[in-house]
Amino acid sequence: MHDRGCGPCIHHAGQAAQGDPEVILYRVSGVIDDTAQFATVFFCTNFSGVPETLRVAVRGPTGALLANVAVTVNHLNTTALATHDTFSLTEVNLNTGVFTHGTAAMAATTVNMTCSARQFSAGNANPQGIGLHMTRFNPIAGTQE
């Protein structure tokens, strides 16, 4: 186990684990859910070498917390979390309820995780989506997003 006092320092980046402190990785706006048609889906892949904790927190247009869910993501696995169930994906249901103009934050116990988000036509077998721009915090050393 490493010295937790250093936070997400470069020399320990590959040794993080589920019990380590969470650091914010991304923030995104344009998060919506209308139950009938659109959900917002967050996809995250862990490449730290060990299982990690990922947390997605979704807020509505007034800042009210609609979801705050933590899941374990194994090494080289991708997980999907959605504001409601979708027809074509297997995802963690955040159960946010209906809202527009929301925001979300993704945090993890490692910086060695990458995520994307999209508004997603959740009821279709061949879904369409709109990618959302995400702002990265705590970048992986030597990278640029």
N, C-alpha and C. Protein backbone atom coordinates (compact mmCIF):
# COMPACT_ATOMS: atom_id res chain seq x y z
N MET A 1 0.85 -1.17 0.00
CA MET A 1 0.00 0.00 0.00
C MET A 1 0.89 1.23 0.00
N HIS A 2 0.47 2.27 -0.69
CA HIS A 2 1.31 3.45 -0.79
C HIS A 2 0.91 4.52 0.20
N ASP A 3 1.73 5.55 0.28
CA ASP A 3 1.48 6.69 1.15
C ASP A 3 0.30 7.48 0.61
N ARG A 4 -0.82 7.39 1.28
CA ARG A 4 -2.03 8.07 0.82
C ARG A 4 -1.92 9.58 0.95
N GLY A 5 -0.96 10.08 1.68
CA GLY A 5 -0.82 11.51 1.87
C GLY A 5 -0.43 12.25 0.61
N CYS A 6 0.08 11.55 -0.39
CA CYS A 6 0.54 12.25 -1.60
C CYS A 6 -0.58 12.44 -2.60
N GLY A 7 -1.77 11.88 -2.36
CA GLY A 7 -2.88 12.03 -3.32
C GLY A 7 -2.56 11.29 -4.61
N PRO A 8 -3.03 11.80 -5.74
CA PRO A 8 -2.81 11.10 -7.01
C PRO A 8 -1.46 11.45 -7.62
N CYS A 9 -0.36 11.16 -6.92
CA CYS A 9 0.95 11.53 -7.41
C CYS A 9 1.42 10.59 -8.51
N ILE A 10 2.32 11.09 -9.33
CA ILE A 10 2.75 10.39 -10.54
C ILE A 10 3.38 9.04 -10.21
N HIS A 11 4.25 8.98 -9.22
CA HIS A 11 4.96 7.74 -8.95
C HIS A 11 4.08 6.65 -8.36
N HIS A 12 2.84 6.99 -7.99
CA HIS A 12 1.92 5.99 -7.48
C HIS A 12 0.71 5.78 -8.38
N ALA A 13 0.69 6.42 -9.53
CA ALA A 13 -0.51 6.41 -10.38
C ALA A 13 -0.98 5.01 -10.72
N GLY A 14 -0.09 4.06 -10.91
CA GLY A 14 -0.49 2.71 -11.28
C GLY A 14 -0.82 1.82 -10.10
N GLN A 15 -0.68 2.35 -8.86
CA GLN A 15 -0.88 1.53 -7.67
C GLN A 15 -2.13 1.89 -6.90
N ALA A 16 -2.96 2.73 -7.43
CA ALA A 16 -4.19 3.09 -6.73
C ALA A 16 -5.07 1.86 -6.59
N ALA A 17 -5.99 1.92 -5.67
CA ALA A 17 -6.90 0.80 -5.47
C ALA A 17 -8.20 1.31 -4.89
N GLN A 18 -9.17 0.40 -4.77
CA GLN A 18 -10.51 0.78 -4.34
C GLN A 18 -10.55 1.58 -3.04
N GLY A 19 -9.68 1.34 -2.10
CA GLY A 19 -9.72 2.05 -0.83
C GLY A 19 -9.09 3.42 -0.85
N ASP A 20 -8.47 3.81 -1.95
CA ASP A 20 -7.82 5.10 -2.04
C ASP A 20 -8.84 6.23 -2.15
N PRO A 21 -8.43 7.46 -1.86
CA PRO A 21 -9.35 8.59 -1.98
C PRO A 21 -9.80 8.79 -3.42
N GLU A 22 -11.02 9.25 -3.59
CA GLU A 22 -11.52 9.56 -4.92
C GLU A 22 -11.04 10.94 -5.34
N VAL A 23 -10.71 11.07 -6.62
CA VAL A 23 -10.37 12.37 -7.20
C VAL A 23 -11.31 12.63 -8.36
N ILE A 24 -11.70 13.87 -8.55
CA ILE A 24 -12.58 14.21 -9.66
C ILE A 24 -11.82 14.07 -10.96
N LEU A 25 -12.41 13.33 -11.90
CA LEU A 25 -11.83 13.14 -13.23
C LEU A 25 -12.45 14.05 -14.27
N TYR A 26 -13.78 14.15 -14.27
CA TYR A 26 -14.49 14.90 -15.31
C TYR A 26 -15.69 15.63 -14.73
N ARG A 27 -16.05 16.71 -15.42
CA ARG A 27 -17.34 17.38 -15.25
C ARG A 27 -17.93 17.55 -16.63
N VAL A 28 -19.27 17.47 -16.72
CA VAL A 28 -19.94 17.57 -18.01
C VAL A 28 -21.28 18.26 -17.81
N SER A 29 -21.67 19.10 -18.76
CA SER A 29 -23.00 19.70 -18.74
C SER A 29 -23.78 19.18 -19.93
N GLY A 30 -25.08 19.48 -19.97
CA GLY A 30 -25.94 18.97 -21.04
C GLY A 30 -26.55 17.63 -20.71
N VAL A 31 -26.54 17.25 -19.44
CA VAL A 31 -27.08 15.98 -18.99
C VAL A 31 -28.60 16.10 -18.93
N ILE A 32 -29.31 15.12 -19.51
CA ILE A 32 -30.78 15.14 -19.55
C ILE A 32 -31.35 13.74 -19.31
N ASP A 33 -32.62 13.71 -19.00
CA ASP A 33 -33.39 12.47 -18.99
C ASP A 33 -34.85 12.84 -19.17
N ASP A 34 -35.49 12.27 -20.19
CA ASP A 34 -36.92 12.54 -20.38
C ASP A 34 -37.75 11.26 -20.29
N THR A 35 -37.16 10.19 -19.80
CA THR A 35 -37.78 8.88 -19.58
C THR A 35 -38.27 8.22 -20.86
N ALA A 36 -39.02 8.91 -21.70
CA ALA A 36 -39.59 8.29 -22.90
C ALA A 36 -38.56 8.11 -24.00
N GLN A 37 -37.69 9.07 -24.22
CA GLN A 37 -36.80 9.05 -25.36
C GLN A 37 -35.32 9.06 -24.95
N PHE A 38 -34.88 10.13 -24.33
CA PHE A 38 -33.45 10.32 -24.09
C PHE A 38 -33.02 10.02 -22.68
N ALA A 39 -31.86 9.39 -22.57
CA ALA A 39 -31.13 9.23 -21.32
C ALA A 39 -29.74 9.79 -21.57
N THR A 40 -29.02 10.07 -20.52
CA THR A 40 -27.60 10.38 -20.65
C THR A 40 -26.83 9.17 -20.14
N VAL A 41 -25.85 8.74 -20.94
CA VAL A 41 -25.06 7.56 -20.60
C VAL A 41 -23.61 7.97 -20.42
N PHE A 42 -22.99 7.46 -19.37
CA PHE A 42 -21.59 7.70 -19.06
C PHE A 42 -20.85 6.37 -19.22
N PHE A 43 -19.81 6.36 -20.04
CA PHE A 43 -18.99 5.16 -20.25
C PHE A 43 -17.61 5.44 -19.65
N CYS A 44 -17.10 4.52 -18.83
CA CYS A 44 -15.77 4.70 -18.24
C CYS A 44 -14.99 3.39 -18.31
N THR A 45 -13.69 3.50 -18.65
CA THR A 45 -12.79 2.36 -18.76
C THR A 45 -11.62 2.55 -17.80
N ASN A 46 -11.33 1.51 -17.05
CA ASN A 46 -10.24 1.51 -16.08
C ASN A 46 -9.02 0.82 -16.68
N PHE A 47 -7.88 1.49 -16.65
CA PHE A 47 -6.64 0.84 -17.09
C PHE A 47 -5.53 1.03 -16.06
N SER A 48 -5.89 0.96 -14.77
CA SER A 48 -4.93 1.16 -13.69
C SER A 48 -4.15 -0.10 -13.34
N GLY A 49 -4.68 -1.26 -13.71
CA GLY A 49 -4.04 -2.52 -13.35
C GLY A 49 -4.73 -3.24 -12.20
N VAL A 50 -5.63 -2.55 -11.49
CA VAL A 50 -6.36 -3.15 -10.37
C VAL A 50 -7.81 -2.64 -10.40
N PRO A 51 -8.73 -3.32 -9.69
CA PRO A 51 -10.10 -2.80 -9.61
C PRO A 51 -10.12 -1.42 -8.94
N GLU A 52 -10.97 -0.54 -9.44
CA GLU A 52 -11.07 0.82 -8.92
C GLU A 52 -12.54 1.18 -8.67
N THR A 53 -12.75 2.16 -7.83
CA THR A 53 -14.09 2.69 -7.59
C THR A 53 -14.31 3.89 -8.50
N LEU A 54 -15.45 3.90 -9.17
CA LEU A 54 -15.89 5.02 -10.00
C LEU A 54 -17.16 5.56 -9.38
N ARG A 55 -17.27 6.87 -9.28
CA ARG A 55 -18.48 7.51 -8.76
C ARG A 55 -19.00 8.49 -9.80
N VAL A 56 -20.31 8.44 -10.05
CA VAL A 56 -20.97 9.41 -10.93
C VAL A 56 -22.03 10.12 -10.10
N ALA A 57 -21.94 11.44 -10.06
CA ALA A 57 -22.92 12.27 -9.36
C ALA A 57 -23.60 13.16 -10.40
N VAL A 58 -24.94 13.12 -10.42
CA VAL A 58 -25.72 13.90 -11.39
C VAL A 58 -26.53 14.93 -10.63
N ARG A 59 -26.52 16.16 -11.14
CA ARG A 59 -27.30 17.25 -10.55
C ARG A 59 -28.24 17.83 -11.59
N GLY A 60 -29.41 18.24 -11.14
CA GLY A 60 -30.40 18.86 -12.01
C GLY A 60 -30.08 20.32 -12.26
N PRO A 61 -30.97 21.04 -12.95
CA PRO A 61 -30.69 22.42 -13.36
C PRO A 61 -30.56 23.40 -12.19
N THR A 62 -31.11 23.06 -11.02
CA THR A 62 -31.00 23.94 -9.86
C THR A 62 -29.87 23.52 -8.93
N GLY A 63 -29.14 22.47 -9.30
CA GLY A 63 -28.05 21.97 -8.46
C GLY A 63 -28.46 20.85 -7.52
N ALA A 64 -29.75 20.48 -7.54
CA ALA A 64 -30.21 19.39 -6.67
C ALA A 64 -29.54 18.08 -7.07
N LEU A 65 -29.07 17.32 -6.11
CA LEU A 65 -28.43 16.03 -6.37
C LEU A 65 -29.50 15.01 -6.75
N LEU A 66 -29.38 14.45 -7.95
CA LEU A 66 -30.35 13.47 -8.46
C LEU A 66 -29.83 12.04 -8.36
N ALA A 67 -28.52 11.87 -8.39
CA ALA A 67 -27.91 10.53 -8.27
C ALA A 67 -26.49 10.70 -7.78
N ASN A 68 -26.04 9.73 -6.99
CA ASN A 68 -24.66 9.69 -6.50
C ASN A 68 -24.34 8.22 -6.30
N VAL A 69 -23.78 7.59 -7.33
CA VAL A 69 -23.62 6.14 -7.37
C VAL A 69 -22.14 5.78 -7.57
N ALA A 70 -21.66 4.86 -6.74
CA ALA A 70 -20.30 4.33 -6.87
C ALA A 70 -20.36 2.88 -7.30
N VAL A 71 -19.49 2.51 -8.24
CA VAL A 71 -19.39 1.14 -8.74
C VAL A 71 -17.92 0.75 -8.83
N THR A 72 -17.66 -0.55 -8.82
CA THR A 72 -16.31 -1.06 -9.03
C THR A 72 -16.12 -1.35 -10.51
N VAL A 73 -15.00 -0.87 -11.06
CA VAL A 73 -14.65 -1.14 -12.45
C VAL A 73 -13.34 -1.91 -12.45
N ASN A 74 -13.36 -3.12 -12.97
CA ASN A 74 -12.16 -3.94 -13.03
C ASN A 74 -11.21 -3.44 -14.10
N HIS A 75 -9.93 -3.83 -13.97
CA HIS A 75 -8.89 -3.45 -14.93
C HIS A 75 -9.30 -3.80 -16.35
N LEU A 76 -9.16 -2.86 -17.26
CA LEU A 76 -9.47 -2.99 -18.69
C LEU A 76 -10.95 -3.27 -18.97
N ASN A 77 -11.80 -3.03 -18.00
CA ASN A 77 -13.24 -3.16 -18.20
C ASN A 77 -13.85 -1.79 -18.42
N THR A 78 -14.94 -1.76 -19.17
CA THR A 78 -15.72 -0.55 -19.38
C THR A 78 -17.08 -0.74 -18.75
N THR A 79 -17.53 0.26 -18.03
CA THR A 79 -18.86 0.22 -17.44
C THR A 79 -19.68 1.37 -17.99
N ALA A 80 -20.98 1.18 -18.06
CA ALA A 80 -21.90 2.22 -18.51
C ALA A 80 -22.86 2.51 -17.37
N LEU A 81 -23.11 3.78 -17.13
CA LEU A 81 -24.09 4.23 -16.15
C LEU A 81 -25.03 5.17 -16.89
N ALA A 82 -26.34 5.00 -16.72
CA ALA A 82 -27.31 5.79 -17.48
C ALA A 82 -28.35 6.37 -16.54
N THR A 83 -28.90 7.51 -16.94
CA THR A 83 -29.91 8.17 -16.12
C THR A 83 -31.19 7.35 -16.03
N HIS A 84 -31.43 6.45 -16.98
CA HIS A 84 -32.46 5.42 -16.86
C HIS A 84 -32.09 4.25 -17.77
N ASP A 85 -32.76 3.11 -17.62
CA ASP A 85 -32.46 1.92 -18.42
C ASP A 85 -32.61 2.22 -19.91
N THR A 86 -31.76 1.57 -20.70
CA THR A 86 -31.82 1.71 -22.15
C THR A 86 -32.15 0.37 -22.78
N PHE A 87 -32.61 0.42 -24.02
CA PHE A 87 -33.00 -0.79 -24.75
C PHE A 87 -31.78 -1.59 -25.20
N SER A 88 -30.73 -0.91 -25.62
CA SER A 88 -29.62 -1.61 -26.29
C SER A 88 -28.35 -1.78 -25.45
N LEU A 89 -28.31 -1.25 -24.23
CA LEU A 89 -27.11 -1.36 -23.40
C LEU A 89 -27.39 -2.16 -22.14
N THR A 90 -26.32 -2.63 -21.53
CA THR A 90 -26.38 -3.13 -20.17
C THR A 90 -25.67 -2.09 -19.33
N GLU A 91 -26.41 -1.44 -18.44
CA GLU A 91 -25.84 -0.33 -17.71
C GLU A 91 -26.31 -0.34 -16.26
N VAL A 92 -25.66 0.47 -15.45
CA VAL A 92 -26.12 0.75 -14.09
C VAL A 92 -27.14 1.87 -14.22
N ASN A 93 -28.33 1.67 -13.68
CA ASN A 93 -29.40 2.65 -13.75
C ASN A 93 -29.25 3.65 -12.61
N LEU A 94 -29.02 4.92 -12.94
CA LEU A 94 -28.86 5.96 -11.94
C LEU A 94 -30.20 6.45 -11.38
N ASN A 95 -31.31 6.10 -12.04
CA ASN A 95 -32.66 6.44 -11.55
C ASN A 95 -32.80 7.92 -11.18
N THR A 96 -32.43 8.79 -12.09
CA THR A 96 -32.46 10.23 -11.78
C THR A 96 -33.85 10.83 -11.83
N GLY A 97 -34.75 10.24 -12.60
CA GLY A 97 -36.02 10.89 -12.87
C GLY A 97 -35.84 11.87 -14.02
N VAL A 98 -36.92 12.53 -14.40
CA VAL A 98 -36.93 13.43 -15.55
C VAL A 98 -36.32 14.78 -15.19
N PHE A 99 -35.43 15.29 -16.06
CA PHE A 99 -34.84 16.61 -15.88
C PHE A 99 -34.17 17.04 -17.17
N THR A 100 -33.88 18.32 -17.29
CA THR A 100 -33.09 18.87 -18.40
C THR A 100 -32.04 19.81 -17.81
N HIS A 101 -31.09 20.20 -18.62
CA HIS A 101 -30.06 21.18 -18.25
C HIS A 101 -29.29 20.78 -17.00
N GLY A 102 -28.94 19.49 -16.91
CA GLY A 102 -28.22 19.00 -15.75
C GLY A 102 -26.71 18.96 -15.98
N THR A 103 -26.03 18.54 -14.95
CA THR A 103 -24.58 18.41 -14.98
C THR A 103 -24.20 17.12 -14.24
N ALA A 104 -23.00 16.65 -14.49
CA ALA A 104 -22.52 15.45 -13.80
C ALA A 104 -21.03 15.59 -13.52
N ALA A 105 -20.59 14.84 -12.52
CA ALA A 105 -19.17 14.74 -12.20
C ALA A 105 -18.83 13.26 -12.08
N MET A 106 -17.66 12.90 -12.58
CA MET A 106 -17.14 11.56 -12.45
C MET A 106 -15.87 11.62 -11.61
N ALA A 107 -15.80 10.77 -10.58
CA ALA A 107 -14.62 10.69 -9.73
C ALA A 107 -14.21 9.23 -9.64
N ALA A 108 -12.95 8.98 -9.34
CA ALA A 108 -12.47 7.60 -9.22
C ALA A 108 -11.30 7.55 -8.27
N THR A 109 -10.94 6.33 -7.89
CA THR A 109 -9.81 6.11 -7.00
C THR A 109 -8.50 6.03 -7.77
N THR A 110 -8.52 6.39 -9.05
CA THR A 110 -7.33 6.46 -9.88
C THR A 110 -7.53 7.52 -10.96
N VAL A 111 -6.45 8.09 -11.44
CA VAL A 111 -6.54 8.96 -12.61
C VAL A 111 -6.47 8.14 -13.89
N ASN A 112 -6.14 6.85 -13.76
CA ASN A 112 -5.99 5.97 -14.92
C ASN A 112 -7.33 5.39 -15.35
N MET A 113 -8.27 6.29 -15.61
CA MET A 113 -9.59 5.92 -16.08
C MET A 113 -9.99 7.00 -17.09
N THR A 114 -10.62 6.58 -18.15
CA THR A 114 -11.10 7.53 -19.14
C THR A 114 -12.60 7.35 -19.30
N CYS A 115 -13.30 8.46 -19.54
CA CYS A 115 -14.76 8.42 -19.61
C CYS A 115 -15.25 9.24 -20.80
N SER A 116 -16.46 8.93 -21.22
CA SER A 116 -17.17 9.72 -22.22
C SER A 116 -18.63 9.78 -21.79
N ALA A 117 -19.36 10.74 -22.37
CA ALA A 117 -20.78 10.88 -22.04
C ALA A 117 -21.53 11.26 -23.30
N ARG A 118 -22.78 10.79 -23.38
CA ARG A 118 -23.62 11.17 -24.52
C ARG A 118 -25.08 11.15 -24.14
N GLN A 119 -25.82 12.04 -24.78
CA GLN A 119 -27.27 11.95 -24.75
C GLN A 119 -27.61 10.82 -25.70
N PHE A 120 -28.50 9.93 -25.31
CA PHE A 120 -28.66 8.65 -25.97
C PHE A 120 -30.14 8.36 -26.16
N SER A 121 -30.53 8.00 -27.38
CA SER A 121 -31.94 7.62 -27.63
C SER A 121 -32.15 6.23 -27.05
N ALA A 122 -32.60 6.20 -25.83
CA ALA A 122 -32.57 5.00 -25.00
C ALA A 122 -33.56 3.92 -25.41
N GLY A 123 -34.62 4.24 -26.14
CA GLY A 123 -35.64 3.26 -26.45
C GLY A 123 -35.47 2.56 -27.78
N ASN A 124 -34.38 2.81 -28.50
CA ASN A 124 -34.19 2.26 -29.84
C ASN A 124 -33.22 1.10 -29.86
N ALA A 125 -33.47 0.14 -30.74
CA ALA A 125 -32.54 -0.98 -30.93
C ALA A 125 -31.27 -0.50 -31.62
N ASN A 126 -31.37 0.53 -32.45
CA ASN A 126 -30.22 1.15 -33.12
C ASN A 126 -30.13 2.60 -32.65
N PRO A 127 -29.62 2.82 -31.45
CA PRO A 127 -29.69 4.14 -30.84
C PRO A 127 -28.82 5.19 -31.53
N GLN A 128 -29.29 6.41 -31.47
CA GLN A 128 -28.54 7.57 -31.90
C GLN A 128 -28.09 8.31 -30.66
N GLY A 129 -27.01 9.06 -30.77
CA GLY A 129 -26.55 9.79 -29.61
C GLY A 129 -25.83 11.07 -29.98
N ILE A 130 -25.73 11.94 -29.02
CA ILE A 130 -25.01 13.20 -29.16
C ILE A 130 -23.93 13.20 -28.09
N GLY A 131 -22.67 13.23 -28.53
CA GLY A 131 -21.57 13.27 -27.58
C GLY A 131 -21.54 14.58 -26.83
N LEU A 132 -21.23 14.52 -25.54
CA LEU A 132 -21.14 15.70 -24.72
C LEU A 132 -19.68 16.04 -24.44
N HIS A 133 -19.37 17.32 -24.46
CA HIS A 133 -18.01 17.76 -24.15
C HIS A 133 -17.76 17.64 -22.66
N MET A 134 -16.66 17.01 -22.32
CA MET A 134 -16.32 16.82 -20.91
C MET A 134 -15.04 17.57 -20.59
N THR A 135 -14.96 18.12 -19.40
CA THR A 135 -13.75 18.80 -18.92
C THR A 135 -13.01 17.85 -18.00
N ARG A 136 -11.74 17.60 -18.31
CA ARG A 136 -10.91 16.67 -17.52
C ARG A 136 -10.22 17.43 -16.39
N PHE A 137 -10.26 16.85 -15.20
CA PHE A 137 -9.52 17.31 -14.04
C PHE A 137 -8.54 16.20 -13.71
N ASN A 138 -7.46 16.49 -13.02
CA ASN A 138 -6.49 15.47 -12.61
C ASN A 138 -6.07 14.59 -13.78
N PRO A 139 -5.43 15.16 -14.80
CA PRO A 139 -5.04 14.37 -15.97
C PRO A 139 -3.98 13.33 -15.65
N ILE A 140 -3.91 12.34 -16.51
CA ILE A 140 -2.87 11.32 -16.41
C ILE A 140 -1.55 11.99 -16.77
N ALA A 141 -0.53 11.74 -16.00
CA ALA A 141 0.77 12.38 -16.25
C ALA A 141 1.25 12.12 -17.68
N GLY A 142 1.69 13.16 -18.34
CA GLY A 142 2.23 13.04 -19.70
C GLY A 142 1.18 12.95 -20.79
N THR A 143 -0.10 13.18 -20.46
CA THR A 143 -1.16 13.11 -21.47
C THR A 143 -1.85 14.46 -21.60
N GLN A 144 -2.61 14.57 -22.67
CA GLN A 144 -3.39 15.77 -22.92
C GLN A 144 -4.73 15.35 -23.52
N GLU A 145 -5.83 15.79 -22.95
CA GLU A 145 -7.16 15.47 -23.50
C GLU A 145 -7.79 16.72 -24.04
